[in-house]
Amino acid sequence: MATSLACSFFFDAEPAGEHGMPAQDACALCAKHFARDSDVFMYKGNTPFCSEDCRDEQMHLDAAYARQAARAAARRQKQFSSGTASGRGHRESREVPVAS
């Protein structure tokens, strides 16, 4: 009895559609709706998945995104470093008339 009550609480009491939060009644990857007696596989705190496969797929996608973001950040840092290194030691001077 307590198991069905806890399951009922999980599915019925969660606020649906909070901004930035996945709905707790469907898989965050494939959008398959959960049955009341189905297992829910969680990832990153409160992101639900219908199976270990969907959860693992999301983990791989997140890892690939993180690697891509790290490479992009490294490219930006390299461009910034080479841009400031070439600009060192070069100063432009001009005479500016001063009104007396």
PDB file of N, CA and C in Angstrom:
ATOM      1  N   MET A   1       0.812  -1.185   0.000  1.00  0.00           N
ATOM      2  CA  MET A   1       0.000   0.000   0.000  1.00  0.00           C
ATOM      3  C   MET A   1       0.857   1.252   0.000  1.00  0.00           C
ATOM      4  N   ALA A   2       1.919   1.272   0.797  1.00  0.00           N
ATOM      5  CA  ALA A   2       2.776   2.452   0.868  1.00  0.00           C
ATOM      6  C   ALA A   2       3.470   2.700  -0.465  1.00  0.00           C
ATOM      7  N   THR A   3       3.814   1.624  -1.180  1.00  0.00           N
ATOM      8  CA  THR A   3       4.466   1.794  -2.473  1.00  0.00           C
ATOM      9  C   THR A   3       3.547   2.503  -3.458  1.00  0.00           C
ATOM     10  N   SER A   4       2.295   2.106  -3.527  1.00  0.00           N
ATOM     11  CA  SER A   4       1.379   2.742  -4.463  1.00  0.00           C
ATOM     12  C   SER A   4       1.098   4.184  -4.052  1.00  0.00           C
ATOM     13  N   LEU A   5       1.074   4.458  -2.746  1.00  0.00           N
ATOM     14  CA  LEU A   5       0.878   5.821  -2.270  1.00  0.00           C
ATOM     15  C   LEU A   5       2.064   6.685  -2.674  1.00  0.00           C
ATOM     16  N   ALA A   6       3.284   6.173  -2.496  1.00  0.00           N
ATOM     17  CA  ALA A   6       4.474   6.930  -2.882  1.00  0.00           C
ATOM     18  C   ALA A   6       4.498   7.154  -4.387  1.00  0.00           C
ATOM     19  N   CYS A   7       4.135   6.132  -5.141  1.00  0.00           N
ATOM     20  CA  CYS A   7       4.086   6.251  -6.601  1.00  0.00           C
ATOM     21  C   CYS A   7       3.034   7.276  -7.003  1.00  0.00           C
ATOM     22  N   SER A   8       1.900   7.230  -6.358  1.00  0.00           N
ATOM     23  CA  SER A   8       0.833   8.181  -6.639  1.00  0.00           C
ATOM     24  C   SER A   8       1.292   9.591  -6.325  1.00  0.00           C
ATOM     25  N   PHE A   9       1.994   9.760  -5.213  1.00  0.00           N
ATOM     26  CA  PHE A   9       2.498  11.078  -4.838  1.00  0.00           C
ATOM     27  C   PHE A   9       3.480  11.581  -5.891  1.00  0.00           C
ATOM     28  N   PHE A  10       4.376  10.717  -6.331  1.00  0.00           N
ATOM     29  CA  PHE A  10       5.388  11.119  -7.312  1.00  0.00           C
ATOM     30  C   PHE A  10       4.752  11.601  -8.614  1.00  0.00           C
ATOM     31  N   PHE A  11       3.760  10.880  -9.093  1.00  0.00           N
ATOM     32  CA  PHE A  11       3.169  11.231 -10.377  1.00  0.00           C
ATOM     33  C   PHE A  11       2.124  12.335 -10.281  1.00  0.00           C
ATOM     34  N   ASP A  12       1.374  12.401  -9.194  1.00  0.00           N
ATOM     35  CA  ASP A  12       0.260  13.339  -9.112  1.00  0.00           C
ATOM     36  C   ASP A  12       0.608  14.673  -8.478  1.00  0.00           C
ATOM     37  N   ALA A  13       1.573  14.710  -7.579  1.00  0.00           N
ATOM     38  CA  ALA A  13       1.824  15.926  -6.814  1.00  0.00           C
ATOM     39  C   ALA A  13       2.892  16.819  -7.426  1.00  0.00           C
ATOM     40  N   GLU A  14       3.609  16.352  -8.415  1.00  0.00           N
ATOM     41  CA  GLU A  14       4.672  17.158  -9.010  1.00  0.00           C
ATOM     42  C   GLU A  14       4.088  18.249  -9.887  1.00  0.00           C
ATOM     43  N   PRO A  15       4.603  19.465  -9.784  1.00  0.00           N
ATOM     44  CA  PRO A  15       4.123  20.541 -10.662  1.00  0.00           C
ATOM     45  C   PRO A  15       4.562  20.270 -12.097  1.00  0.00           C
ATOM     46  N   ALA A  16       3.628  20.253 -13.002  1.00  0.00           N
ATOM     47  CA  ALA A  16       3.937  19.991 -14.408  1.00  0.00           C
ATOM     48  C   ALA A  16       4.213  21.297 -15.118  1.00  0.00           C
ATOM     49  N   GLY A  17       5.215  21.308 -15.959  1.00  0.00           N
ATOM     50  CA  GLY A  17       5.466  22.442 -16.821  1.00  0.00           C
ATOM     51  C   GLY A  17       6.184  23.614 -16.188  1.00  0.00           C
ATOM     52  N   GLU A  18       6.943  23.397 -15.097  1.00  0.00           N
ATOM     53  CA  GLU A  18       7.750  24.494 -14.568  1.00  0.00           C
ATOM     54  C   GLU A  18       8.778  24.866 -15.613  1.00  0.00           C
ATOM     55  N   HIS A  19       9.044  26.146 -15.751  1.00  0.00           N
ATOM     56  CA  HIS A  19       9.992  26.609 -16.754  1.00  0.00           C
ATOM     57  C   HIS A  19      11.374  26.017 -16.484  1.00  0.00           C
ATOM     58  N   GLY A  20      11.955  25.381 -17.493  1.00  0.00           N
ATOM     59  CA  GLY A  20      13.284  24.814 -17.367  1.00  0.00           C
ATOM     60  C   GLY A  20      13.321  23.449 -16.712  1.00  0.00           C
ATOM     61  N   MET A  21      12.195  22.935 -16.317  1.00  0.00           N
ATOM     62  CA  MET A  21      12.140  21.647 -15.666  1.00  0.00           C
ATOM     63  C   MET A  21      11.380  20.673 -16.551  1.00  0.00           C
ATOM     64  N   PRO A  22      11.888  19.449 -16.728  1.00  0.00           N
ATOM     65  CA  PRO A  22      11.140  18.480 -17.529  1.00  0.00           C
ATOM     66  C   PRO A  22       9.904  18.014 -16.772  1.00  0.00           C
ATOM     67  N   ALA A  23       8.876  17.674 -17.508  1.00  0.00           N
ATOM     68  CA  ALA A  23       7.674  17.117 -16.880  1.00  0.00           C
ATOM     69  C   ALA A  23       8.045  15.777 -16.269  1.00  0.00           C
ATOM     70  N   GLN A  24       7.497  15.465 -15.119  1.00  0.00           N
ATOM     71  CA  GLN A  24       7.848  14.232 -14.421  1.00  0.00           C
ATOM     72  C   GLN A  24       7.023  13.037 -14.874  1.00  0.00           C
ATOM     73  N   ASP A  25       6.173  13.210 -15.860  1.00  0.00           N
ATOM     74  CA  ASP A  25       5.319  12.101 -16.289  1.00  0.00           C
ATOM     75  C   ASP A  25       5.742  11.509 -17.625  1.00  0.00           C
ATOM     76  N   ALA A  26       6.869  11.967 -18.186  1.00  0.00           N
ATOM     77  CA  ALA A  26       7.343  11.452 -19.471  1.00  0.00           C
ATOM     78  C   ALA A  26       8.868  11.463 -19.498  1.00  0.00           C
ATOM     79  N   CYS A  27       9.418  10.582 -20.301  1.00  0.00           N
ATOM     80  CA  CYS A  27      10.871  10.488 -20.468  1.00  0.00           C
ATOM     81  C   CYS A  27      11.407  11.783 -21.083  1.00  0.00           C
ATOM     82  N   ALA A  28      12.483  12.287 -20.534  1.00  0.00           N
ATOM     83  CA  ALA A  28      13.061  13.539 -21.010  1.00  0.00           C
ATOM     84  C   ALA A  28      13.705  13.384 -22.388  1.00  0.00           C
ATOM     85  N   LEU A  29      14.015  12.166 -22.806  1.00  0.00           N
ATOM     86  CA  LEU A  29      14.657  11.959 -24.101  1.00  0.00           C
ATOM     87  C   LEU A  29      13.650  11.549 -25.175  1.00  0.00           C
ATOM     88  N   CYS A  30      12.885  10.511 -24.930  1.00  0.00           N
ATOM     89  CA  CYS A  30      11.986   9.990 -25.971  1.00  0.00           C
ATOM     90  C   CYS A  30      10.532  10.413 -25.776  1.00  0.00           C
ATOM     91  N   ALA A  31      10.228  11.068 -24.667  1.00  0.00           N
ATOM     92  CA  ALA A  31       8.889  11.577 -24.352  1.00  0.00           C
ATOM     93  C   ALA A  31       7.852  10.472 -24.130  1.00  0.00           C
ATOM     94  N   LYS A  32       8.299   9.258 -23.892  1.00  0.00           N
ATOM     95  CA  LYS A  32       7.382   8.151 -23.592  1.00  0.00           C
ATOM     96  C   LYS A  32       6.768   8.404 -22.215  1.00  0.00           C
ATOM     97  N   HIS A  33       5.452   8.324 -22.128  1.00  0.00           N
ATOM     98  CA  HIS A  33       4.772   8.535 -20.845  1.00  0.00           C
ATOM     99  C   HIS A  33       5.010   7.346 -19.922  1.00  0.00           C
ATOM    100  N   PHE A  34       5.169   7.649 -18.654  1.00  0.00           N
ATOM    101  CA  PHE A  34       5.397   6.609 -17.660  1.00  0.00           C
ATOM    102  C   PHE A  34       4.072   5.996 -17.226  1.00  0.00           C
ATOM    103  N   ALA A  35       4.079   4.686 -17.086  1.00  0.00           N
ATOM    104  CA  ALA A  35       2.935   4.002 -16.481  1.00  0.00           C
ATOM    105  C   ALA A  35       3.084   4.125 -14.968  1.00  0.00           C
ATOM    106  N   ARG A  36       2.000   3.999 -14.256  1.00  0.00           N
ATOM    107  CA  ARG A  36       2.056   4.167 -12.798  1.00  0.00           C
ATOM    108  C   ARG A  36       2.970   3.145 -12.120  1.00  0.00           C
ATOM    109  N   ASP A  37       3.130   1.968 -12.709  1.00  0.00           N
ATOM    110  CA  ASP A  37       3.955   0.936 -12.084  1.00  0.00           C
ATOM    111  C   ASP A  37       5.330   0.800 -12.740  1.00  0.00           C
ATOM    112  N   SER A  38       5.723   1.743 -13.579  1.00  0.00           N
ATOM    113  CA  SER A  38       7.008   1.632 -14.271  1.00  0.00           C
ATOM    114  C   SER A  38       8.139   2.235 -13.442  1.00  0.00           C
ATOM    115  N   ASP A  39       9.338   1.761 -13.703  1.00  0.00           N
ATOM    116  CA  ASP A  39      10.527   2.323 -13.070  1.00  0.00           C
ATOM    117  C   ASP A  39      10.863   3.644 -13.753  1.00  0.00           C
ATOM    118  N   VAL A  40      11.435   4.546 -12.988  1.00  0.00           N
ATOM    119  CA  VAL A  40      11.874   5.823 -13.522  1.00  0.00           C
ATOM    120  C   VAL A  40      13.357   5.944 -13.216  1.00  0.00           C
ATOM    121  N   PHE A  41      14.143   6.231 -14.223  1.00  0.00           N
ATOM    122  CA  PHE A  41      15.583   6.345 -14.085  1.00  0.00           C
ATOM    123  C   PHE A  41      15.940   7.829 -14.105  1.00  0.00           C
ATOM    124  N   MET A  42      16.527   8.311 -13.009  1.00  0.00           N
ATOM    125  CA  MET A  42      16.798   9.738 -12.861  1.00  0.00           C
ATOM    126  C   MET A  42      18.239  10.056 -13.237  1.00  0.00           C
ATOM    127  N   TYR A  43      18.441  11.297 -13.693  1.00  0.00           N
ATOM    128  CA  TYR A  43      19.768  11.781 -14.062  1.00  0.00           C
ATOM    129  C   TYR A  43      19.818  13.275 -13.770  1.00  0.00           C
ATOM    130  N   LYS A  44      20.935  13.723 -13.256  1.00  0.00           N
ATOM    131  CA  LYS A  44      21.137  15.134 -12.900  1.00  0.00           C
ATOM    132  C   LYS A  44      20.046  15.646 -11.971  1.00  0.00           C
ATOM    133  N   GLY A  45      19.783  14.901 -10.955  1.00  0.00           N
ATOM    134  CA  GLY A  45      18.850  15.359  -9.935  1.00  0.00           C
ATOM    135  C   GLY A  45      17.409  15.041 -10.213  1.00  0.00           C
ATOM    136  N   ASN A  46      16.790  15.703 -11.181  1.00  0.00           N
ATOM    137  CA  ASN A  46      15.351  15.531 -11.357  1.00  0.00           C
ATOM    138  C   ASN A  46      14.937  15.365 -12.811  1.00  0.00           C
ATOM    139  N   THR A  47      15.807  14.821 -13.643  1.00  0.00           N
ATOM    140  CA  THR A  47      15.458  14.564 -15.034  1.00  0.00           C
ATOM    141  C   THR A  47      15.104  13.087 -15.187  1.00  0.00           C
ATOM    142  N   PRO A  48      13.848  12.769 -15.502  1.00  0.00           N
ATOM    143  CA  PRO A  48      13.404  11.372 -15.556  1.00  0.00           C
ATOM    144  C   PRO A  48      13.591  10.737 -16.942  1.00  0.00           C
ATOM    145  N   PHE A  49      13.898   9.456 -16.931  1.00  0.00           N
ATOM    146  CA  PHE A  49      14.034   8.676 -18.162  1.00  0.00           C
ATOM    147  C   PHE A  49      13.298   7.357 -18.000  1.00  0.00           C
ATOM    148  N   CYS A  50      12.779   6.839 -19.109  1.00  0.00           N
ATOM    149  CA  CYS A  50      11.978   5.617 -19.059  1.00  0.00           C
ATOM    150  C   CYS A  50      12.826   4.358 -18.958  1.00  0.00           C
ATOM    151  N   SER A  51      14.097   4.443 -19.331  1.00  0.00           N
ATOM    152  CA  SER A  51      14.951   3.257 -19.307  1.00  0.00           C
ATOM    153  C   SER A  51      16.396   3.667 -19.088  1.00  0.00           C
ATOM    154  N   GLU A  52      17.206   2.676 -18.759  1.00  0.00           N
ATOM    155  CA  GLU A  52      18.642   2.941 -18.618  1.00  0.00           C
ATOM    156  C   GLU A  52      19.230   3.364 -19.963  1.00  0.00           C
ATOM    157  N   ASP A  53      18.694   2.819 -21.055  1.00  0.00           N
ATOM    158  CA  ASP A  53      19.193   3.176 -22.383  1.00  0.00           C
ATOM    159  C   ASP A  53      18.982   4.660 -22.680  1.00  0.00           C
ATOM    160  N   CYS A  54      17.790   5.178 -22.391  1.00  0.00           N
ATOM    161  CA  CYS A  54      17.534   6.613 -22.623  1.00  0.00           C
ATOM    162  C   CYS A  54      18.424   7.466 -21.728  1.00  0.00           C
ATOM    163  N   ARG A  55      18.558   7.057 -20.473  1.00  0.00           N
ATOM    164  CA  ARG A  55      19.416   7.815 -19.558  1.00  0.00           C
ATOM    165  C   ARG A  55      20.859   7.796 -20.034  1.00  0.00           C
ATOM    166  N   ASP A  56      21.359   6.624 -20.449  1.00  0.00           N
ATOM    167  CA  ASP A  56      22.734   6.521 -20.943  1.00  0.00           C
ATOM    168  C   ASP A  56      22.935   7.348 -22.203  1.00  0.00           C
ATOM    169  N   GLU A  57      21.942   7.347 -23.086  1.00  0.00           N
ATOM    170  CA  GLU A  57      22.031   8.153 -24.313  1.00  0.00           C
ATOM    171  C   GLU A  57      22.149   9.631 -23.964  1.00  0.00           C
ATOM    172  N   GLN A  58      21.356  10.090 -22.995  1.00  0.00           N
ATOM    173  CA  GLN A  58      21.436  11.493 -22.582  1.00  0.00           C
ATOM    174  C   GLN A  58      22.800  11.799 -21.959  1.00  0.00           C
ATOM    175  N   MET A  59      23.335  10.859 -21.206  1.00  0.00           N
ATOM    176  CA  MET A  59      24.651  11.055 -20.604  1.00  0.00           C
ATOM    177  C   MET A  59      25.719  11.175 -21.688  1.00  0.00           C
ATOM    178  N   HIS A  60      25.618  10.358 -22.738  1.00  0.00           N
ATOM    179  CA  HIS A  60      26.572  10.445 -23.848  1.00  0.00           C
ATOM    180  C   HIS A  60      26.420  11.765 -24.601  1.00  0.00           C
ATOM    181  N   LEU A  61      25.185  12.190 -24.815  1.00  0.00           N
ATOM    182  CA  LEU A  61      24.952  13.480 -25.474  1.00  0.00           C
ATOM    183  C   LEU A  61      25.527  14.632 -24.657  1.00  0.00           C
ATOM    184  N   ASP A  62      25.324  14.591 -23.336  1.00  0.00           N
ATOM    185  CA  ASP A  62      25.865  15.634 -22.464  1.00  0.00           C
ATOM    186  C   ASP A  62      27.391  15.649 -22.497  1.00  0.00           C
ATOM    187  N   ALA A  63      28.002  14.457 -22.498  1.00  0.00           N
ATOM    188  CA  ALA A  63      29.460  14.368 -22.541  1.00  0.00           C
ATOM    189  C   ALA A  63      29.990  14.911 -23.862  1.00  0.00           C
ATOM    190  N   ALA A  64      29.330  14.575 -24.958  1.00  0.00           N
ATOM    191  CA  ALA A  64      29.761  15.080 -26.263  1.00  0.00           C
ATOM    192  C   ALA A  64      29.618  16.595 -26.331  1.00  0.00           C
ATOM    193  N   TYR A  65      28.522  17.114 -25.791  1.00  0.00           N
ATOM    194  CA  TYR A  65      28.319  18.568 -25.760  1.00  0.00           C
ATOM    195  C   TYR A  65      29.402  19.247 -24.923  1.00  0.00           C
ATOM    196  N   ALA A  66      29.765  18.634 -23.798  1.00  0.00           N
ATOM    197  CA  ALA A  66      30.802  19.206 -22.934  1.00  0.00           C
ATOM    198  C   ALA A  66      32.155  19.208 -23.640  1.00  0.00           C
ATOM    199  N   ARG A  67      32.468  18.123 -24.363  1.00  0.00           N
ATOM    200  CA  ARG A  67      33.737  18.080 -25.109  1.00  0.00           C
ATOM    201  C   ARG A  67      33.762  19.145 -26.199  1.00  0.00           C
ATOM    202  N   GLN A  68      32.631  19.295 -26.909  1.00  0.00           N
ATOM    203  CA  GLN A  68      32.538  20.292 -27.964  1.00  0.00           C
ATOM    204  C   GLN A  68      32.685  21.704 -27.384  1.00  0.00           C
ATOM    205  N   ALA A  69      32.054  21.966 -26.263  1.00  0.00           N
ATOM    206  CA  ALA A  69      32.156  23.279 -25.626  1.00  0.00           C
ATOM    207  C   ALA A  69      33.584  23.549 -25.155  1.00  0.00           C
ATOM    208  N   ALA A  70      34.255  22.518 -24.643  1.00  0.00           N
ATOM    209  CA  ALA A  70      35.635  22.680 -24.189  1.00  0.00           C
ATOM    210  C   ALA A  70      36.565  22.983 -25.375  1.00  0.00           C
ATOM    211  N   ARG A  71      36.340  22.302 -26.501  1.00  0.00           N
ATOM    212  CA  ARG A  71      37.164  22.581 -27.686  1.00  0.00           C
ATOM    213  C   ARG A  71      36.929  23.999 -28.187  1.00  0.00           C
ATOM    214  N   ALA A  72      35.681  24.444 -28.193  1.00  0.00           N
ATOM    215  CA  ALA A  72      35.364  25.801 -28.638  1.00  0.00           C
ATOM    216  C   ALA A  72      35.996  26.827 -27.713  1.00  0.00           C
ATOM    217  N   ALA A  73      35.962  26.577 -26.415  1.00  0.00           N
ATOM    218  CA  ALA A  73      36.582  27.493 -25.448  1.00  0.00           C
ATOM    219  C   ALA A  73      38.092  27.534 -25.642  1.00  0.00           C
ATOM    220  N   ALA A  74      38.697  26.384 -25.918  1.00  0.00           N
ATOM    221  CA  ALA A  74      40.141  26.340 -26.147  1.00  0.00           C
ATOM    222  C   ALA A  74      40.510  27.113 -27.418  1.00  0.00           C
ATOM    223  N   ARG A  75      39.672  26.985 -28.475  1.00  0.00           N
ATOM    224  CA  ARG A  75      39.929  27.744 -29.706  1.00  0.00           C
ATOM    225  C   ARG A  75      39.828  29.241 -29.453  1.00  0.00           C
ATOM    226  N   ARG A  76      38.795  29.655 -28.701  1.00  0.00           N
ATOM    227  CA  ARG A  76      38.636  31.082 -28.387  1.00  0.00           C
ATOM    228  C   ARG A  76      39.817  31.591 -27.576  1.00  0.00           C
ATOM    229  N   GLN A  77      40.260  30.794 -26.608  1.00  0.00           N
ATOM    230  CA  GLN A  77      41.398  31.191 -25.779  1.00  0.00           C
ATOM    231  C   GLN A  77      42.660  31.298 -26.627  1.00  0.00           C
ATOM    232  N   LYS A  78      42.849  30.361 -27.545  1.00  0.00           N
ATOM    233  CA  LYS A  78      44.025  30.386 -28.413  1.00  0.00           C
ATOM    234  C   LYS A  78      43.981  31.622 -29.316  1.00  0.00           C
ATOM    235  N   GLN A  79      42.820  31.929 -29.876  1.00  0.00           N
ATOM    236  CA  GLN A  79      42.687  33.120 -30.720  1.00  0.00           C
ATOM    237  C   GLN A  79      42.927  34.382 -29.905  1.00  0.00           C
ATOM    238  N   PHE A  80      42.415  34.433 -28.699  1.00  0.00           N
ATOM    239  CA  PHE A  80      42.608  35.600 -27.834  1.00  0.00           C
ATOM    240  C   PHE A  80      44.078  35.761 -27.499  1.00  0.00           C
ATOM    241  N   SER A  81      44.739  34.661 -27.160  1.00  0.00           N
ATOM    242  CA  SER A  81      46.156  34.712 -26.796  1.00  0.00           C
ATOM    243  C   SER A  81      47.009  35.147 -27.975  1.00  0.00           C
ATOM    244  N   SER A  82      46.740  34.620 -29.162  1.00  0.00           N
ATOM    245  CA  SER A  82      47.544  34.999 -30.324  1.00  0.00           C
ATOM    246  C   SER A  82      47.237  36.432 -30.746  1.00  0.00           C
ATOM    247  N   GLY A  83      46.019  36.894 -30.540  1.00  0.00           N
ATOM    248  CA  GLY A  83      45.654  38.268 -30.882  1.00  0.00           C
ATOM    249  C   GLY A  83      46.310  39.279 -29.972  1.00  0.00           C
ATOM    250  N   THR A  84      46.424  38.989 -28.687  1.00  0.00           N
ATOM    251  CA  THR A  84      47.050  39.925 -27.759  1.00  0.00           C
ATOM    252  C   THR A  84      48.563  39.862 -27.866  1.00  0.00           C
ATOM    253  N   ALA A  85      49.114  38.706 -28.212  1.00  0.00           N
ATOM    254  CA  ALA A  85      50.566  38.591 -28.346  1.00  0.00           C
ATOM    255  C   ALA A  85      51.058  39.398 -29.538  1.00  0.00           C
ATOM    256  N   SER A  86      50.320  39.389 -30.643  1.00  0.00           N
ATOM    257  CA  SER A  86      50.754  40.134 -31.821  1.00  0.00           C
ATOM    258  C   SER A  86      50.579  41.630 -31.613  1.00  0.00           C
ATOM    259  N   GLY A  87      49.687  42.031 -30.728  1.00  0.00           N
ATOM    260  CA  GLY A  87      49.449  43.452 -30.487  1.00  0.00           C
ATOM    261  C   GLY A  87      50.378  44.044 -29.449  1.00  0.00           C
ATOM    262  N   ARG A  88      51.185  43.239 -28.778  1.00  0.00           N
ATOM    263  CA  ARG A  88      52.081  43.737 -27.744  1.00  0.00           C
ATOM    264  C   ARG A  88      53.211  44.540 -28.358  1.00  0.00           C
ATOM    265  N   GLY A  89      53.600  45.562 -27.668  1.00  0.00           N
ATOM    266  CA  GLY A  89      54.733  46.355 -28.106  1.00  0.00           C
ATOM    267  C   GLY A  89      54.404  47.323 -29.225  1.00  0.00           C
ATOM    268  N   HIS A  90      53.232  47.308 -29.731  1.00  0.00           N
ATOM    269  CA  HIS A  90      52.850  48.202 -30.826  1.00  0.00           C
ATOM    270  C   HIS A  90      51.969  49.284 -30.245  1.00  0.00           C
ATOM    271  N   ARG A  91      52.494  50.485 -30.258  1.00  0.00           N
ATOM    272  CA  ARG A  91      51.712  51.606 -29.778  1.00  0.00           C
ATOM    273  C   ARG A  91      51.649  52.651 -30.859  1.00  0.00           C
ATOM    274  N   GLU A  92      50.500  53.166 -30.989  1.00  0.00           N
ATOM    275  CA  GLU A  92      50.302  54.210 -31.978  1.00  0.00           C
ATOM    276  C   GLU A  92      50.368  55.550 -31.257  1.00  0.00           C
ATOM    277  N   SER A  93      51.134  56.478 -31.823  1.00  0.00           N
ATOM    278  CA  SER A  93      51.198  57.806 -31.205  1.00  0.00           C
ATOM    279  C   SER A  93      50.779  58.849 -32.234  1.00  0.00           C
ATOM    280  N   ARG A  94      50.107  59.844 -31.757  1.00  0.00           N
ATOM    281  CA  ARG A  94      49.668  60.947 -32.596  1.00  0.00           C
ATOM    282  C   ARG A  94      49.870  62.251 -31.861  1.00  0.00           C
ATOM    283  N   GLU A  95      50.110  63.291 -32.628  1.00  0.00           N
ATOM    284  CA  GLU A  95      50.148  64.606 -32.012  1.00  0.00           C
ATOM    285  C   GLU A  95      48.743  65.139 -32.000  1.00  0.00           C
ATOM    286  N   VAL A  96      48.342  65.663 -30.865  1.00  0.00           N
ATOM    287  CA  VAL A  96      47.014  66.194 -30.707  1.00  0.00           C
ATOM    288  C   VAL A  96      47.136  67.684 -30.414  1.00  0.00           C
ATOM    289  N   PRO A  97      46.503  68.532 -31.230  1.00  0.00           N
ATOM    290  CA  PRO A  97      46.604  69.964 -30.969  1.00  0.00           C
ATOM    291  C   PRO A  97      45.865  70.318 -29.671  1.00  0.00           C
ATOM    292  N   VAL A  98      46.478  71.203 -28.898  1.00  0.00           N
ATOM    293  CA  VAL A  98      45.905  71.626 -27.639  1.00  0.00           C
ATOM    294  C   VAL A  98      45.546  73.093 -27.773  1.00  0.00           C
ATOM    295  N   ALA A  99      44.325  73.432 -27.439  1.00  0.00           N
ATOM    296  CA  ALA A  99      43.899  74.830 -27.502  1.00  0.00           C
ATOM    297  C   ALA A  99      44.404  75.555 -26.277  1.00  0.00           C
ATOM    298  N   SER A 100      44.976  76.762 -26.477  1.00  0.00           N
ATOM    299  CA  SER A 100      45.503  77.491 -25.326  1.00  0.00           C
ATOM    300  C   SER A 100      44.551  78.577 -24.893  1.00  0.00           C
TER     301      SER A 100
END
